[in-house]
N, C-alpha and C. Protein backbone atom coordinates (compact mmCIF):
# COMPACT_ATOMS: atom_id res chain seq x y z
N MET A 1 93.54 175.38 -16.49
CA MET A 1 93.48 174.72 -15.20
C MET A 1 92.73 175.65 -14.24
N ARG A 2 91.76 175.09 -13.60
CA ARG A 2 90.97 175.86 -12.65
C ARG A 2 91.41 175.53 -11.23
N LEU A 3 91.72 176.56 -10.47
CA LEU A 3 92.15 176.39 -9.09
C LEU A 3 90.95 176.48 -8.16
N THR A 4 90.99 175.68 -7.11
CA THR A 4 89.91 175.70 -6.12
C THR A 4 90.52 175.97 -4.75
N PRO A 5 89.75 176.56 -3.85
CA PRO A 5 90.29 176.75 -2.50
C PRO A 5 90.44 175.40 -1.80
N PRO A 6 91.49 175.25 -1.01
CA PRO A 6 91.66 173.98 -0.30
C PRO A 6 90.60 173.82 0.77
N SER A 7 90.32 172.58 1.12
CA SER A 7 89.37 172.34 2.20
C SER A 7 90.00 172.81 3.51
N PHE A 8 89.15 173.00 4.49
CA PHE A 8 89.63 173.48 5.78
C PHE A 8 90.58 172.48 6.42
N LEU A 9 90.30 171.20 6.25
CA LEU A 9 91.15 170.15 6.82
C LEU A 9 92.55 170.17 6.19
N VAL A 10 92.62 170.33 4.87
CA VAL A 10 93.91 170.39 4.19
C VAL A 10 94.68 171.62 4.67
N PHE A 11 94.00 172.73 4.82
CA PHE A 11 94.65 173.94 5.32
C PHE A 11 95.21 173.72 6.72
N LEU A 12 94.43 173.08 7.59
CA LEU A 12 94.90 172.84 8.96
C LEU A 12 96.09 171.88 8.99
N ILE A 13 96.09 170.87 8.15
CA ILE A 13 97.22 169.94 8.09
C ILE A 13 98.47 170.67 7.63
N SER A 14 98.33 171.47 6.60
CA SER A 14 99.47 172.24 6.10
C SER A 14 99.97 173.22 7.17
N LEU A 15 99.07 173.86 7.86
CA LEU A 15 99.45 174.80 8.92
C LEU A 15 100.15 174.08 10.06
N ALA A 16 99.68 172.89 10.42
CA ALA A 16 100.30 172.13 11.51
C ALA A 16 101.73 171.71 11.14
N ILE A 17 101.94 171.28 9.91
CA ILE A 17 103.29 170.91 9.47
C ILE A 17 104.19 172.14 9.49
N PHE A 18 103.68 173.26 9.03
CA PHE A 18 104.46 174.50 9.01
C PHE A 18 104.86 174.93 10.42
N VAL A 19 103.91 174.91 11.34
CA VAL A 19 104.19 175.33 12.72
C VAL A 19 105.19 174.37 13.36
N TYR A 20 105.04 173.07 13.11
CA TYR A 20 105.97 172.08 13.67
C TYR A 20 107.38 172.31 13.14
N ALA A 21 107.51 172.79 11.90
CA ALA A 21 108.82 173.03 11.32
C ALA A 21 109.44 174.33 11.82
N VAL A 22 108.62 175.33 12.12
CA VAL A 22 109.13 176.66 12.47
C VAL A 22 109.38 176.83 13.96
N LEU A 23 108.67 176.13 14.81
CA LEU A 23 108.84 176.31 16.26
C LEU A 23 110.26 176.06 16.75
N PRO A 24 110.98 175.05 16.28
CA PRO A 24 112.37 174.90 16.74
C PRO A 24 113.25 176.09 16.36
N LEU A 25 112.94 176.76 15.27
CA LEU A 25 113.70 177.95 14.89
C LEU A 25 113.45 179.09 15.86
N ALA A 26 112.31 179.07 16.53
CA ALA A 26 111.97 180.09 17.51
C ALA A 26 112.46 179.72 18.91
N GLY A 27 113.10 178.57 19.05
CA GLY A 27 113.65 178.18 20.34
C GLY A 27 112.78 177.24 21.16
N VAL A 28 111.69 176.75 20.59
CA VAL A 28 110.80 175.83 21.30
C VAL A 28 111.27 174.41 21.02
N ALA A 29 111.53 173.66 22.07
CA ALA A 29 112.01 172.28 21.91
C ALA A 29 110.83 171.35 21.63
N LEU A 30 110.94 170.59 20.56
CA LEU A 30 109.92 169.62 20.17
C LEU A 30 110.58 168.27 19.94
N PRO A 31 109.79 167.18 20.04
CA PRO A 31 110.36 165.88 19.70
C PRO A 31 110.87 165.88 18.25
N VAL A 32 112.02 165.33 18.03
CA VAL A 32 112.65 165.37 16.71
C VAL A 32 112.16 164.20 15.87
N LEU A 33 111.77 164.50 14.64
CA LEU A 33 111.37 163.46 13.70
C LEU A 33 112.54 163.00 12.84
N GLY A 34 113.61 163.75 12.85
CA GLY A 34 114.75 163.41 12.01
C GLY A 34 114.65 163.96 10.61
N ILE A 35 113.66 164.82 10.36
CA ILE A 35 113.47 165.42 9.05
C ILE A 35 113.93 166.88 9.14
N PRO A 36 114.80 167.32 8.23
CA PRO A 36 115.26 168.70 8.27
C PRO A 36 114.11 169.70 8.09
N THR A 37 114.28 170.88 8.65
CA THR A 37 113.25 171.92 8.62
C THR A 37 112.85 172.27 7.20
N LEU A 38 113.81 172.37 6.31
CA LEU A 38 113.51 172.73 4.93
C LEU A 38 112.54 171.73 4.30
N TYR A 39 112.75 170.46 4.54
CA TYR A 39 111.86 169.44 3.98
C TYR A 39 110.47 169.50 4.60
N MET A 40 110.39 169.85 5.86
CA MET A 40 109.08 170.01 6.51
C MET A 40 108.33 171.20 5.89
N LEU A 41 109.04 172.29 5.63
CA LEU A 41 108.41 173.45 5.01
C LEU A 41 107.96 173.14 3.59
N ILE A 42 108.77 172.40 2.86
CA ILE A 42 108.38 172.00 1.50
C ILE A 42 107.16 171.09 1.55
N ALA A 43 107.11 170.18 2.51
CA ALA A 43 105.95 169.29 2.65
C ALA A 43 104.68 170.08 2.95
N ALA A 44 104.78 171.09 3.80
CA ALA A 44 103.61 171.92 4.11
C ALA A 44 103.11 172.62 2.85
N TYR A 45 104.05 173.12 2.05
CA TYR A 45 103.66 173.81 0.82
C TYR A 45 103.05 172.83 -0.18
N VAL A 46 103.60 171.64 -0.29
CA VAL A 46 103.08 170.65 -1.24
C VAL A 46 101.67 170.22 -0.85
N VAL A 47 101.42 170.03 0.43
CA VAL A 47 100.08 169.67 0.90
C VAL A 47 99.08 170.79 0.54
N LEU A 48 99.48 172.02 0.79
CA LEU A 48 98.59 173.15 0.48
C LEU A 48 98.39 173.28 -1.03
N ALA A 49 99.45 173.12 -1.81
CA ALA A 49 99.33 173.20 -3.27
C ALA A 49 98.44 172.09 -3.81
N ALA A 50 98.55 170.89 -3.26
CA ALA A 50 97.69 169.79 -3.71
C ALA A 50 96.23 170.10 -3.41
N GLY A 51 95.97 170.73 -2.27
CA GLY A 51 94.60 171.12 -1.94
C GLY A 51 94.04 172.16 -2.91
N VAL A 52 94.90 172.99 -3.46
CA VAL A 52 94.46 174.02 -4.41
C VAL A 52 94.31 173.44 -5.81
N LEU A 53 95.22 172.57 -6.20
CA LEU A 53 95.22 172.06 -7.57
C LEU A 53 94.19 170.97 -7.83
N PHE A 54 93.90 170.15 -6.83
CA PHE A 54 93.01 169.01 -7.03
C PHE A 54 91.70 169.24 -6.30
N LYS A 55 90.62 169.21 -7.04
CA LYS A 55 89.30 169.42 -6.45
C LYS A 55 88.90 168.20 -5.64
N GLY A 56 88.35 168.43 -4.47
CA GLY A 56 87.85 167.35 -3.63
C GLY A 56 88.84 166.85 -2.59
N ILE A 57 90.01 167.42 -2.55
CA ILE A 57 91.00 167.00 -1.54
C ILE A 57 90.84 167.87 -0.32
């Protein structure tokens, strides 16, 4: 299996999900989506992993 670097857009999406999940832990109030922080962090990782594993994403 050959790994490829994720596109810049995929990286930014993953980073945005990660920041949205971590900011409430730092005390910043954000609108609540109703999704637990752990699931948001897992989603950020899955998006980034998909960008690495699949070419063209």
